C-alpha atoms as a PDB file:
ATOM      1  CA  MET A   1      -0.131  -0.322   0.131  1.00  0.00           C
ATOM      2  CA  SER A   2       1.273   3.473  -1.239  1.00  0.00           C
ATOM      3  CA  VAL A   3       1.797   6.262   1.583  1.00  0.00           C
ATOM      4  CA  PRO A   4       0.339   9.164   0.484  1.00  0.00           C
ATOM      5  CA  ARG A   5       2.635  12.006  -0.723  1.00  0.00           C
ATOM      6  CA  ARG A   6       3.145  14.798   1.479  1.00  0.00           C
ATOM      7  CA  TYR A   7       2.964  18.373   0.069  1.00  0.00           C
ATOM      8  CA  ARG A   8       4.854  21.779   1.018  1.00  0.00           C
ATOM      9  CA  VAL A   9       3.292  24.609   1.313  1.00  0.00           C
ATOM     10  CA  ALA A  10       3.542  28.347   2.158  1.00  0.00           C
ATOM     11  CA  LEU A  11       1.609  30.236   4.269  1.00  0.00           C
ATOM     12  CA  VAL A  12       1.296  33.651   3.028  1.00  0.00           C
ATOM     13  CA  GLY A  13      -0.423  36.206   5.502  1.00  0.00           C
ATOM     14  CA  CYS A  14      -0.113  36.050   8.947  1.00  0.00           C
ATOM     15  CA  GLY A  15      -2.587  37.631  10.633  1.00  0.00           C
ATOM     16  CA  ASP A  16      -5.932  36.392  12.743  1.00  0.00           C
ATOM     17  CA  ILE A  17      -7.362  33.893  10.491  1.00  0.00           C
ATOM     18  CA  ALA A  18      -3.952  32.647   9.513  1.00  0.00           C
ATOM     19  CA  GLU A  19      -2.900  32.460  13.347  1.00  0.00           C
ATOM     20  CA  THR A  20      -5.786  31.279  15.154  1.00  0.00           C
ATOM     21  CA  GLY A  21      -7.308  28.292  12.076  1.00  0.00           C
ATOM     22  CA  HIS A  22      -4.478  27.887   8.713  1.00  0.00           C
ATOM     23  CA  LEU A  23      -1.590  27.585  11.152  1.00  0.00           C
ATOM     24  CA  PRO A  24      -2.799  24.984  13.712  1.00  0.00           C
ATOM     25  CA  ALA A  25      -4.389  23.041  10.845  1.00  0.00           C
ATOM     26  CA  LEU A  26      -1.197  22.608   8.718  1.00  0.00           C
ATOM     27  CA  LEU A  27       1.207  22.070  11.478  1.00  0.00           C
ATOM     28  CA  ALA A  28      -1.304  18.624  12.572  1.00  0.00           C
ATOM     29  CA  HIS A  29      -2.321  17.612   9.037  1.00  0.00           C
ATOM     30  CA  PRO A  30      -0.436  14.216   7.892  1.00  0.00           C
ATOM     31  CA  ARG A  31      -0.647  15.358   4.475  1.00  0.00           C
ATOM     32  CA  PHE A  32       1.005  19.097   4.459  1.00  0.00           C
ATOM     33  CA  GLU A  33       4.316  20.384   5.594  1.00  0.00           C
ATOM     34  CA  LEU A  34       4.500  23.867   6.605  1.00  0.00           C
ATOM     35  CA  ALA A  35       7.537  24.988   5.139  1.00  0.00           C
ATOM     36  CA  ALA A  36       7.408  28.900   5.066  1.00  0.00           C
ATOM     37  CA  LEU A  37       5.627  31.759   6.292  1.00  0.00           C
ATOM     38  CA  CYS A  38       5.174  35.260   4.303  1.00  0.00           C
ATOM     39  CA  ASP A  39       3.837  38.246   5.445  1.00  0.00           C
ATOM     40  CA  SER A  40       4.723  41.794   4.981  1.00  0.00           C
ATOM     41  CA  ARG A  41       4.753  42.659   8.490  1.00  0.00           C
ATOM     42  CA  ALA A  42       7.869  40.529   9.644  1.00  0.00           C
ATOM     43  CA  GLU A  43       6.751  40.634  12.996  1.00  0.00           C
ATOM     44  CA  ARG A  44       3.600  38.644  12.283  1.00  0.00           C
ATOM     45  CA  ALA A  45       5.419  36.286   9.999  1.00  0.00           C
ATOM     46  CA  GLN A  46       8.294  35.632  13.122  1.00  0.00           C
ATOM     47  CA  LEU A  47       4.981  35.064  15.550  1.00  0.00           C
ATOM     48  CA  LEU A  48       3.790  32.126  13.799  1.00  0.00           C
ATOM     49  CA  SER A  49       7.290  31.152  13.034  1.00  0.00           C
ATOM     50  CA  VAL A  50       8.189  31.022  16.901  1.00  0.00           C
ATOM     51  CA  ARG A  51       4.948  28.816  17.349  1.00  0.00           C
ATOM     52  CA  SER A  52       5.503  26.351  14.912  1.00  0.00           C
ATOM     53  CA  GLY A  53       8.683  25.401  15.328  1.00  0.00           C
ATOM     54  CA  GLY A  54      11.104  27.865  12.997  1.00  0.00           C
ATOM     55  CA  VAL A  55       9.763  28.018   9.784  1.00  0.00           C
ATOM     56  CA  PRO A  56      11.685  29.954   7.513  1.00  0.00           C
ATOM     57  CA  VAL A  57       9.932  33.601   7.153  1.00  0.00           C
ATOM     58  CA  PHE A  58       9.512  36.011   4.203  1.00  0.00           C
ATOM     59  CA  THR A  59       8.395  39.582   4.080  1.00  0.00           C
ATOM     60  CA  ASP A  60       7.709  39.041  -0.133  1.00  0.00           C
ATOM     61  CA  TYR A  61       5.526  36.486  -1.622  1.00  0.00           C
ATOM     62  CA  ARG A  62       7.300  37.193  -4.833  1.00  0.00           C
ATOM     63  CA  GLU A  63      10.410  35.005  -3.224  1.00  0.00           C
ATOM     64  CA  LEU A  64       8.625  32.162  -2.858  1.00  0.00           C
ATOM     65  CA  LEU A  65       6.964  32.147  -6.582  1.00  0.00           C
ATOM     66  CA  GLU A  66       9.812  30.154  -8.279  1.00  0.00           C
ATOM     67  CA  ARG A  67      10.930  27.719  -5.191  1.00  0.00           C
ATOM     68  CA  THR A  68      10.964  24.415  -6.284  1.00  0.00           C
ATOM     69  CA  ASP A  69      10.662  22.692  -3.280  1.00  0.00           C
ATOM     70  CA  LEU A  70       6.694  24.050  -2.508  1.00  0.00           C
ATOM     71  CA  ASP A  71       4.209  22.181  -3.838  1.00  0.00           C
ATOM     72  CA  ALA A  72       1.141  25.016  -2.521  1.00  0.00           C
ATOM     73  CA  ALA A  73       0.307  28.391  -1.487  1.00  0.00           C
ATOM     74  CA  VAL A  74      -2.363  28.811   1.835  1.00  0.00           C
ATOM     75  CA  LEU A  75      -3.683  32.650   0.998  1.00  0.00           C
ATOM     76  CA  ALA A  76      -4.685  34.412   4.183  1.00  0.00           C
ATOM     77  CA  LEU A  77      -5.105  37.752   2.735  1.00  0.00           C
ATOM     78  CA  HIS A  78      -7.607  40.307   2.108  1.00  0.00           C
ATOM     79  CA  PRO A  79      -9.636  40.052  -1.448  1.00  0.00           C
ATOM     80  CA  GLU A  80      -8.355  43.263  -2.568  1.00  0.00           C
ATOM     81  CA  ILE A  81      -4.766  41.600  -2.739  1.00  0.00           C
ATOM     82  CA  SER A  82      -5.327  37.905  -2.806  1.00  0.00           C
ATOM     83  CA  VAL A  83      -6.376  37.722  -6.815  1.00  0.00           C
ATOM     84  CA  ASP A  84      -3.081  39.019  -7.948  1.00  0.00           C
ATOM     85  CA  VAL A  85      -1.197  36.391  -5.253  1.00  0.00           C
ATOM     86  CA  ALA A  86      -2.951  33.552  -6.203  1.00  0.00           C
ATOM     87  CA  ILE A  87      -2.822  33.823 -10.247  1.00  0.00           C
ATOM     88  CA  ALA A  88       1.333  34.334  -9.848  1.00  0.00           C
ATOM     89  CA  PHE A  89       1.421  31.003  -7.644  1.00  0.00           C
ATOM     90  CA  LEU A  90      -0.822  29.446 -10.161  1.00  0.00           C
ATOM     91  CA  ARG A  91       1.633  31.046 -12.777  1.00  0.00           C
ATOM     92  CA  GLN A  92       4.209  28.669 -11.474  1.00  0.00           C
ATOM     93  CA  GLY A  93       2.179  25.371 -11.022  1.00  0.00           C
ATOM     94  CA  LYS A  94       1.587  26.218  -7.028  1.00  0.00           C
ATOM     95  CA  ALA A  95      -1.722  25.081  -5.670  1.00  0.00           C
ATOM     96  CA  VAL A  96      -3.648  27.225  -4.048  1.00  0.00           C
ATOM     97  CA  LEU A  97      -6.128  27.614  -1.074  1.00  0.00           C
ATOM     98  CA  ASP A  98      -7.437  31.139  -1.402  1.00  0.00           C
ATOM     99  CA  GLU A  99      -9.093  32.631   1.443  1.00  0.00           C
ATOM    100  CA  LYS A 100     -12.811  33.616   1.144  1.00  0.00           C
ATOM    101  CA  PRO A 101     -14.355  35.926  -0.547  1.00  0.00           C
ATOM    102  CA  LEU A 102     -12.894  35.101  -3.898  1.00  0.00           C
ATOM    103  CA  ALA A 103     -12.366  38.927  -5.055  1.00  0.00           C
ATOM    104  CA  ARG A 104     -13.010  42.294  -4.338  1.00  0.00           C
ATOM    105  CA  SER A 105     -16.000  42.907  -7.564  1.00  0.00           C
ATOM    106  CA  MET A 106     -16.543  40.305 -10.443  1.00  0.00           C
ATOM    107  CA  GLU A 107     -14.002  41.916 -12.498  1.00  0.00           C
ATOM    108  CA  ASP A 108     -11.380  40.397 -10.471  1.00  0.00           C
ATOM    109  CA  GLY A 109     -13.231  37.437  -9.747  1.00  0.00           C
ATOM    110  CA  ARG A 110     -13.459  36.329 -13.530  1.00  0.00           C
ATOM    111  CA  ARG A 111     -10.011  37.596 -14.557  1.00  0.00           C
ATOM    112  CA  LEU A 112      -8.534  34.937 -11.548  1.00  0.00           C
ATOM    113  CA  ALA A 113     -11.319  32.069 -13.148  1.00  0.00           C
ATOM    114  CA  ARG A 114      -9.897  32.162 -16.406  1.00  0.00           C
ATOM    115  CA  GLU A 115      -6.377  32.029 -15.249  1.00  0.00           C
ATOM    116  CA  ILE A 116      -7.502  29.027 -13.456  1.00  0.00           C
ATOM    117  CA  GLU A 117      -9.320  27.624 -16.581  1.00  0.00           C
ATOM    118  CA  SER A 118      -6.075  28.880 -18.903  1.00  0.00           C
ATOM    119  CA  LEU A 119      -3.635  27.255 -16.309  1.00  0.00           C
ATOM    120  CA  LYS A 120      -5.571  24.370 -15.319  1.00  0.00           C
ATOM    121  CA  GLY A 121      -4.479  25.217 -11.903  1.00  0.00           C
ATOM    122  CA  VAL A 122      -5.565  23.523  -8.798  1.00  0.00           C
ATOM    123  CA  TYR A 123      -7.400  25.973  -6.601  1.00  0.00           C
ATOM    124  CA  GLN A 124      -9.346  25.946  -3.658  1.00  0.00           C
ATOM    125  CA  LEU A 125     -11.546  29.008  -2.209  1.00  0.00           C
ATOM    126  CA  GLY A 126     -11.927  28.907   1.648  1.00  0.00           C
ATOM    127  CA  PHE A 127     -15.078  28.258   2.484  1.00  0.00           C
ATOM    128  CA  VAL A 128     -14.596  26.418   5.734  1.00  0.00           C
ATOM    129  CA  PHE A 129     -17.799  26.066   6.977  1.00  0.00           C
ATOM    130  CA  ARG A 130     -19.278  23.737   4.072  1.00  0.00           C
ATOM    131  CA  TYR A 131     -17.421  21.093   5.263  1.00  0.00           C
ATOM    132  CA  SER A 132     -18.904  21.336   8.878  1.00  0.00           C
ATOM    133  CA  GLU A 133     -20.788  18.439  10.095  1.00  0.00           C
ATOM    134  CA  GLN A 134     -23.598  21.003  11.204  1.00  0.00           C
ATOM    135  CA  ILE A 135     -23.968  22.417   8.234  1.00  0.00           C
ATOM    136  CA  LEU A 136     -23.903  18.835   6.219  1.00  0.00           C
ATOM    137  CA  THR A 137     -26.415  17.358   8.588  1.00  0.00           C
ATOM    138  CA  LEU A 138     -29.068  20.380   7.655  1.00  0.00           C
ATOM    139  CA  ALA A 139     -28.164  19.522   4.630  1.00  0.00           C
ATOM    140  CA  LYS A 140     -30.113  15.984   4.661  1.00  0.00           C
ATOM    141  CA  LEU A 141     -32.916  17.431   7.173  1.00  0.00           C
ATOM    142  CA  ALA A 142     -33.668  20.415   4.330  1.00  0.00           C
ATOM    143  CA  GLN A 143     -34.616  17.567   2.168  1.00  0.00           C
ATOM    144  CA  ARG A 144     -36.949  15.832   4.831  1.00  0.00           C
ATOM    145  CA  ILE A 145     -38.526  19.537   4.547  1.00  0.00           C
ATOM    146  CA  GLY A 146     -38.221  19.810   1.176  1.00  0.00           C
ATOM    147  CA  ALA A 147     -39.278  23.254  -1.585  1.00  0.00           C
ATOM    148  CA  PRO A 148     -39.806  25.954  -1.815  1.00  0.00           C
ATOM    149  CA  HIS A 149     -38.631  26.871   1.614  1.00  0.00           C
ATOM    150  CA  VAL A 150     -38.237  29.783   3.630  1.00  0.00           C
ATOM    151  CA  CYS A 151     -34.861  30.124   5.284  1.00  0.00           C
ATOM    152  CA  ARG A 152     -33.678  32.451   7.530  1.00  0.00           C
ATOM    153  CA  VAL A 153     -30.014  32.635   8.646  1.00  0.00           C
ATOM    154  CA  CYS A 154     -29.026  35.249  11.193  1.00  0.00           C
ATOM    155  CA  VAL A 155     -24.784  35.469  11.684  1.00  0.00           C
ATOM    156  CA  SER A 156     -23.665  37.812  14.294  1.00  0.00           C
ATOM    157  CA  ASP A 157     -20.249  37.902  14.860  1.00  0.00           C
ATOM    158  CA  GLU A 158     -17.233  40.718  15.450  1.00  0.00           C
ATOM    159  CA  ARG A 159     -17.819  42.578  18.435  1.00  0.00           C
ATOM    160  CA  LEU A 160     -17.283  45.969  18.517  1.00  0.00           C
ATOM    161  CA  ASP A 161     -14.532  46.707  20.594  1.00  0.00           C
ATOM    162  CA  ARG A 162     -12.921  50.360  20.553  1.00  0.00           C
ATOM    163  CA  ALA A 163     -10.125  49.215  23.012  1.00  0.00           C
ATOM    164  CA  ASN A 164      -8.419  46.087  20.522  1.00  0.00           C
ATOM    165  CA  THR A 165      -7.086  48.318  17.991  1.00  0.00           C
ATOM    166  CA  ALA A 166      -5.855  45.866  15.640  1.00  0.00           C
ATOM    167  CA  HIS A 167      -9.187  43.630  15.913  1.00  0.00           C
ATOM    168  CA  PHE A 168     -11.439  47.372  15.040  1.00  0.00           C
ATOM    169  CA  ALA A 169      -8.770  48.486  12.447  1.00  0.00           C
ATOM    170  CA  ARG A 170      -9.014  44.661  10.678  1.00  0.00           C
ATOM    171  CA  ILE A 171     -12.695  45.212  10.743  1.00  0.00           C
ATOM    172  CA  GLN A 172     -12.954  48.859   9.249  1.00  0.00           C
ATOM    173  CA  GLN A 173     -10.718  47.795   6.466  1.00  0.00           C
ATOM    174  CA  CYS A 174     -13.038  44.863   5.851  1.00  0.00           C
ATOM    175  CA  LEU A 175     -16.284  47.347   5.463  1.00  0.00           C
ATOM    176  CA  LYS A 176     -13.781  49.588   3.685  1.00  0.00           C
ATOM    177  CA  ASN A 177     -12.407  47.544   0.585  1.00  0.00           C
ATOM    178  CA  ALA A 178     -15.793  44.961   0.170  1.00  0.00           C
ATOM    179  CA  SER A 179     -18.635  44.782   3.141  1.00  0.00           C
ATOM    180  CA  ALA A 180     -19.897  42.521   5.983  1.00  0.00           C
ATOM    181  CA  ILE A 181     -22.518  40.732   3.247  1.00  0.00           C
ATOM    182  CA  THR A 182     -19.493  39.897   0.702  1.00  0.00           C
ATOM    183  CA  HIS A 183     -17.205  38.805   3.761  1.00  0.00           C
ATOM    184  CA  GLU A 184     -19.502  37.222   6.116  1.00  0.00           C
ATOM    185  CA  GLY A 185     -22.626  36.572   3.318  1.00  0.00           C
ATOM    186  CA  SER A 186     -20.290  34.842   0.777  1.00  0.00           C
ATOM    187  CA  HIS A 187     -20.265  31.807   3.974  1.00  0.00           C
ATOM    188  CA  ILE A 188     -23.909  31.918   3.620  1.00  0.00           C
ATOM    189  CA  LEU A 189     -24.834  31.628   0.104  1.00  0.00           C
ATOM    190  CA  ASP A 190     -21.748  29.243   0.047  1.00  0.00           C
ATOM    191  CA  PHE A 191     -22.981  26.212   2.497  1.00  0.00           C
ATOM    192  CA  TYR A 192     -27.012  26.672   1.608  1.00  0.00           C
ATOM    193  CA  SER A 193     -25.890  26.229  -1.676  1.00  0.00           C
ATOM    194  CA  LEU A 194     -25.866  22.367  -0.013  1.00  0.00           C
ATOM    195  CA  TRP A 195     -29.103  22.926   1.436  1.00  0.00           C
ATOM    196  CA  ASN A 196     -31.112  24.204  -1.830  1.00  0.00           C
ATOM    197  CA  PRO A 197     -28.536  23.988  -5.458  1.00  0.00           C
ATOM    198  CA  ALA A 198     -31.231  26.311  -6.700  1.00  0.00           C
ATOM    199  CA  PRO A 199     -29.003  29.670  -7.574  1.00  0.00           C
ATOM    200  CA  PRO A 200     -30.145  32.429  -6.398  1.00  0.00           C
ATOM    201  CA  ARG A 201     -32.361  34.364  -8.895  1.00  0.00           C
ATOM    202  CA  CYS A 202     -33.295  38.272  -7.735  1.00  0.00           C
ATOM    203  CA  VAL A 203     -32.220  39.835  -4.139  1.00  0.00           C
ATOM    204  CA  HIS A 204     -33.734  42.757  -2.067  1.00  0.00           C
ATOM    205  CA  ALA A 205     -31.162  44.598   0.397  1.00  0.00           C
ATOM    206  CA  TRP A 206     -30.981  46.960   3.079  1.00  0.00           C
ATOM    207  CA  ALA A 207     -28.006  47.688   5.192  1.00  0.00           C
ATOM    208  CA  ALA A 208     -27.405  50.860   7.592  1.00  0.00           C
ATOM    209  CA  ALA A 209     -23.908  51.771   9.838  1.00  0.00           C
ATOM    210  CA  THR A 210     -25.084  52.221  13.630  1.00  0.00           C
ATOM    211  CA  GLN A 211     -21.682  54.719  13.614  1.00  0.00           C
ATOM    212  CA  ALA A 212     -20.855  57.594  11.975  1.00  0.00           C
ATOM    213  CA  ASP A 213     -17.046  56.738  11.494  1.00  0.00           C
ATOM    214  CA  PHE A 214     -17.689  52.776  10.346  1.00  0.00           C
ATOM    215  CA  ASN A 215     -16.454  52.649   6.882  1.00  0.00           C
ATOM    216  CA  GLY A 216     -19.750  50.861   5.748  1.00  0.00           C
ATOM    217  CA  PRO A 217     -22.827  49.153   6.738  1.00  0.00           C
ATOM    218  CA  ASN A 218     -22.466  46.968   9.693  1.00  0.00           C
ATOM    219  CA  LEU A 219     -26.138  46.011   9.436  1.00  0.00           C
ATOM    220  CA  TRP A 220     -27.589  43.610   6.603  1.00  0.00           C
ATOM    221  CA  HIS A 221     -31.094  42.150   5.886  1.00  0.00           C
ATOM    222  CA  ALA A 222     -30.802  40.144   2.273  1.00  0.00           C
ATOM    223  CA  GLN A 223     -33.909  38.549   0.946  1.00  0.00           C
ATOM    224  CA  TYR A 224     -32.958  36.291  -1.958  1.00  0.00           C
ATOM    225  CA  SER A 225     -35.510  34.937  -4.063  1.00  0.00           C
ATOM    226  CA  ALA A 226     -34.649  31.138  -5.671  1.00  0.00           C
ATOM    227  CA  ALA A 227     -34.735  29.478  -9.214  1.00  0.00           C
ATOM    228  CA  ASP A 228     -37.092  26.980  -7.038  1.00  0.00           C
ATOM    229  CA  GLY A 229     -39.484  29.741  -5.492  1.00  0.00           C
ATOM    230  CA  SER A 230     -37.441  29.484  -2.277  1.00  0.00           C
ATOM    231  CA  ALA A 231     -36.576  32.466  -0.371  1.00  0.00           C
ATOM    232  CA  LEU A 232     -33.487  32.995   1.437  1.00  0.00           C
ATOM    233  CA  ASN A 233     -33.200  35.667   4.348  1.00  0.00           C
ATOM    234  CA  VAL A 234     -29.614  36.946   5.240  1.00  0.00           C
ATOM    235  CA  GLU A 235     -29.100  38.572   8.064  1.00  0.00           C
ATOM    236  CA  ILE A 236     -25.763  40.075   9.343  1.00  0.00           C
ATOM    237  CA  VAL A 237     -24.848  41.554  12.332  1.00  0.00           C
ATOM    238  CA  TRP A 238     -21.345  42.921  12.774  1.00  0.00           C
ATOM    239  CA  PHE A 239     -19.783  45.662  15.152  1.00  0.00           C
ATOM    240  CA  LEU A 240     -22.348  45.990  17.919  1.00  0.00           C
ATOM    241  CA  PRO A 241     -21.339  45.671  21.541  1.00  0.00           C
ATOM    242  CA  GLU A 242     -23.894  43.503  22.544  1.00  0.00           C
ATOM    243  CA  LEU A 243     -24.518  40.455  19.802  1.00  0.00           C
ATOM    244  CA  PRO A 244     -27.806  39.074  19.321  1.00  0.00           C
ATOM    245  CA  SER A 245     -27.958  35.059  19.074  1.00  0.00           C
ATOM    246  CA  THR A 246     -27.145  33.386  15.673  1.00  0.00           C
ATOM    247  CA  ARG A 247     -29.877  31.540  14.272  1.00  0.00           C
ATOM    248  CA  VAL A 248     -31.600  29.019  11.358  1.00  0.00           C
ATOM    249  CA  GLU A 249     -34.876  29.008  10.309  1.00  0.00           C
ATOM    250  CA  LEU A 250     -36.379  26.692   7.103  1.00  0.00           C
ATOM    251  CA  THR A 251     -40.123  26.152   6.600  1.00  0.00           C
ATOM    252  CA  GLY A 252     -41.267  23.730   3.783  1.00  0.00           C
ATOM    253  CA  PRO A 253     -43.871  21.802   2.423  1.00  0.00           C
ATOM    254  CA  ARG A 254     -43.194  18.902   4.685  1.00  0.00           C
ATOM    255  CA  GLY A 255     -41.924  21.068   8.033  1.00  0.00           C
ATOM    256  CA  TRP A 256     -39.670  23.608   9.800  1.00  0.00           C
ATOM    257  CA  LEU A 257     -37.180  23.404  11.671  1.00  0.00           C
ATOM    258  CA  HIS A 258     -35.329  25.850  14.353  1.00  0.00           C
ATOM    259  CA  LEU A 259     -31.415  25.496  15.216  1.00  0.00           C
ATOM    260  CA  ASP A 260     -28.962  27.565  17.161  1.00  0.00           C
ATOM    261  CA  PRO A 261     -25.931  26.930  15.051  1.00  0.00           C
ATOM    262  CA  ARG A 262     -23.752  27.635  18.247  1.00  0.00           C
ATOM    263  CA  SER A 263     -24.936  25.678  20.470  1.00  0.00           C
ATOM    264  CA  GLY A 264     -26.092  22.801  17.490  1.00  0.00           C
ATOM    265  CA  GLN A 265     -29.419  22.111  19.718  1.00  0.00           C
ATOM    266  CA  GLY A 266     -32.982  22.841  18.001  1.00  0.00           C
ATOM    267  CA  GLU A 267     -36.007  20.876  16.924  1.00  0.00           C
ATOM    268  CA  LEU A 268     -37.694  19.493  13.668  1.00  0.00           C
ATOM    269  CA  HIS A 269     -41.538  19.342  13.344  1.00  0.00           C
ATOM    270  CA  SER A 270     -42.376  17.311  10.052  1.00  0.00           C
ATOM    271  CA  ALA A 271     -46.125  16.197   9.102  1.00  0.00           C
ATOM    272  CA  GLY A 272     -47.011  13.086  10.295  1.00  0.00           C
ATOM    273  CA  CYS A 273     -44.549  13.123  13.152  1.00  0.00           C
ATOM    274  CA  ALA A 274     -43.850  13.946  16.602  1.00  0.00           C
ATOM    275  CA  PRO A 275     -41.422  17.079  16.955  1.00  0.00           C
ATOM    276  CA  GLU A 276     -37.491  16.199  17.000  1.00  0.00           C
ATOM    277  CA  LYS A 277     -35.089  17.648  19.303  1.00  0.00           C
ATOM    278  CA  ILE A 278     -31.741  18.587  16.979  1.00  0.00           C
ATOM    279  CA  PHE A 279     -28.495  17.703  18.157  1.00  0.00           C
ATOM    280  CA  THR A 280     -25.590  18.480  16.345  1.00  0.00           C
ATOM    281  CA  PRO A 281     -22.028  19.347  17.134  1.00  0.00           C
ATOM    282  CA  PRO A 282     -21.620  23.344  17.215  1.00  0.00           C
ATOM    283  CA  LEU A 283     -21.071  25.368  14.127  1.00  0.00           C
ATOM    284  CA  VAL A 284     -17.140  24.946  13.813  1.00  0.00           C
ATOM    285  CA  GLN A 285     -15.288  26.175  11.016  1.00  0.00           C
ATOM    286  CA  ASN A 286     -13.256  22.423  10.209  1.00  0.00           C
ATOM    287  CA  TRP A 287     -10.297  23.516   9.252  1.00  0.00           C
ATOM    288  CA  ARG A 288      -9.011  19.509   8.888  1.00  0.00           C
ATOM    289  CA  GLY A 289     -11.907  19.250   6.523  1.00  0.00           C
ATOM    290  CA  GLN A 290     -10.757  21.919   4.174  1.00  0.00           C
ATOM    291  CA  LEU A 291      -7.670  20.822   4.016  1.00  0.00           C
ATOM    292  CA  ASP A 292      -8.348  17.104   3.138  1.00  0.00           C
ATOM    293  CA  ALA A 293      -9.920  18.230   0.754  1.00  0.00           C
ATOM    294  CA  PHE A 294      -6.864  20.788  -0.934  1.00  0.00           C
ATOM    295  CA  ALA A 295      -4.999  17.925  -0.461  1.00  0.00           C
ATOM    296  CA  GLY A 296      -7.451  15.644  -2.322  1.00  0.00           C
ATOM    297  CA  ALA A 297      -7.583  17.833  -4.993  1.00  0.00           C
ATOM    298  CA  ILE A 298      -4.083  18.232  -5.508  1.00  0.00           C
ATOM    299  CA  ASP A 299      -3.758  14.351  -5.655  1.00  0.00           C
ATOM    300  CA  CYS A 300      -6.149  13.990  -8.725  1.00  0.00           C
ATOM    301  CA  GLY A 301      -4.822  17.853 -10.014  1.00  0.00           C
ATOM    302  CA  GLU A 302      -8.234  19.505  -9.784  1.00  0.00           C
ATOM    303  CA  SER A 303     -10.790  20.931  -7.127  1.00  0.00           C
ATOM    304  CA  ARG A 304     -13.994  19.605  -6.869  1.00  0.00           C
ATOM    305  CA  ALA A 305     -14.983  21.134  -3.485  1.00  0.00           C
ATOM    306  CA  ALA A 306     -15.180  25.377  -3.070  1.00  0.00           C
ATOM    307  CA  THR A 307     -14.125  25.748  -6.666  1.00  0.00           C
ATOM    308  CA  VAL A 308     -13.629  29.310  -8.005  1.00  0.00           C
ATOM    309  CA  TYR A 309     -17.433  28.448  -9.905  1.00  0.00           C
ATOM    310  CA  HIS A 310     -18.726  28.411  -6.197  1.00  0.00           C
ATOM    311  CA  GLY A 311     -16.739  31.656  -5.447  1.00  0.00           C
ATOM    312  CA  LEU A 312     -18.240  33.178  -8.246  1.00  0.00           C
ATOM    313  CA  ARG A 313     -22.198  32.279  -7.627  1.00  0.00           C
ATOM    314  CA  ALA A 314     -21.444  33.929  -3.656  1.00  0.00           C
ATOM    315  CA  LEU A 315     -19.641  36.877  -5.448  1.00  0.00           C
ATOM    316  CA  ALA A 316     -22.844  37.906  -7.499  1.00  0.00           C
ATOM    317  CA  ALA A 317     -25.131  37.359  -4.589  1.00  0.00           C
ATOM    318  CA  THR A 318     -23.533  39.551  -2.435  1.00  0.00           C
ATOM    319  CA  LYS A 319     -22.188  41.705  -4.852  1.00  0.00           C
ATOM    320  CA  ALA A 320     -26.518  42.058  -6.010  1.00  0.00           C
ATOM    321  CA  ALA A 321     -27.095  42.737  -2.524  1.00  0.00           C
ATOM    322  CA  GLU A 322     -24.612  45.080  -2.249  1.00  0.00           C
ATOM    323  CA  LEU A 323     -25.822  46.511  -5.486  1.00  0.00           C
ATOM    324  CA  SER A 324     -29.438  46.581  -4.353  1.00  0.00           C
ATOM    325  CA  TRP A 325     -29.020  48.874  -0.463  1.00  0.00           C
ATOM    326  CA  LYS A 326     -27.277  51.375  -2.926  1.00  0.00           C
ATOM    327  CA  GLU A 327     -29.855  51.716  -5.840  1.00  0.00           C
ATOM    328  CA  GLY A 328     -33.021  50.677  -3.259  1.00  0.00           C
ATOM    329  CA  ARG A 329     -34.011  48.305  -5.888  1.00  0.00           C
ATOM    330  CA  THR A 330     -34.207  44.415  -6.012  1.00  0.00           C
ATOM    331  CA  VAL A 331     -31.606  43.063  -8.583  1.00  0.00           C
ATOM    332  CA  ASP A 332     -31.011  40.271 -10.818  1.00  0.00           C
ATOM    333  CA  VAL A 333     -28.588  38.321  -9.558  1.00  0.00           C
ATOM    334  CA  GLU A 334     -28.115  36.802 -13.282  1.00  0.00           C
ATOM    335  CA  GLN A 335     -27.236  40.009 -14.127  1.00  0.00           C
ATOM    336  CA  ILE A 336     -24.478  40.589 -12.274  1.00  0.00           C
ATOM    337  CA  ALA A 337     -22.846  37.342 -12.642  1.00  0.00           C
END
């Protein structure tokens, strides 16, 4: 029996997501060897190097592009930066695992897709929640409830604490260069596609900033109509000192459910059956599952989970929500795509 190949990988971008998610997952995964750390802030790369046993540090990703001892790159970068970096690694034959969202604009997303198609490169987007056991369990329960249905997903995150200046600056950058609906909502649009494969057709969105110095809206409500007649209501709550509960509700022709994703507990009512208590693991970012999929993609030479096309679909839906809010009208998602 042959031993699966182990891949040498560079982690580019050493911020919070890299530190708390990508780094420990890479160090623990049997199929990957962390060979380089890169960040324009040398102190951040050095911090992660210390935590990973002295992995070599770089401050310019271009120093890594022609390294023949690297098989792949994991990019933990903001979307206004990541597209060009991803293309540079793909052109050198490196596989890329790229943090969501796909890009800052549809134009950049399409440009990346064209490069991947031309190069036949291995590219996987970091939709890490799609590997969560809770999300996969809800996909099975959604089939029992049926369609067309109404789904409501409310996500509250990024608690406002102005004393935490690093976190405040990071979220302000997200609000300035993209939006909360694109950063957070892209996750929802992705994992909802596992519950209902019918693509979103149109959206009407509302958004507001709760404080004058925020770089963009921190509250979002977007109502999507899907091709099968279903409706998805996405609520994003960011940057409040007190955050409401995250929740999922789904109502369809054969029943309904509600769930608290953080506890994993809820209730299912289906036609002709007694109510059932739902017990799932809490919603977590399944970093190990994501790397399992990435290793499999490198093995076979193509990505099958969280592809660039999944990213384009989610990006088109969130960009349509941004346009709907700005213009105060319902927007056709397919026209954005």
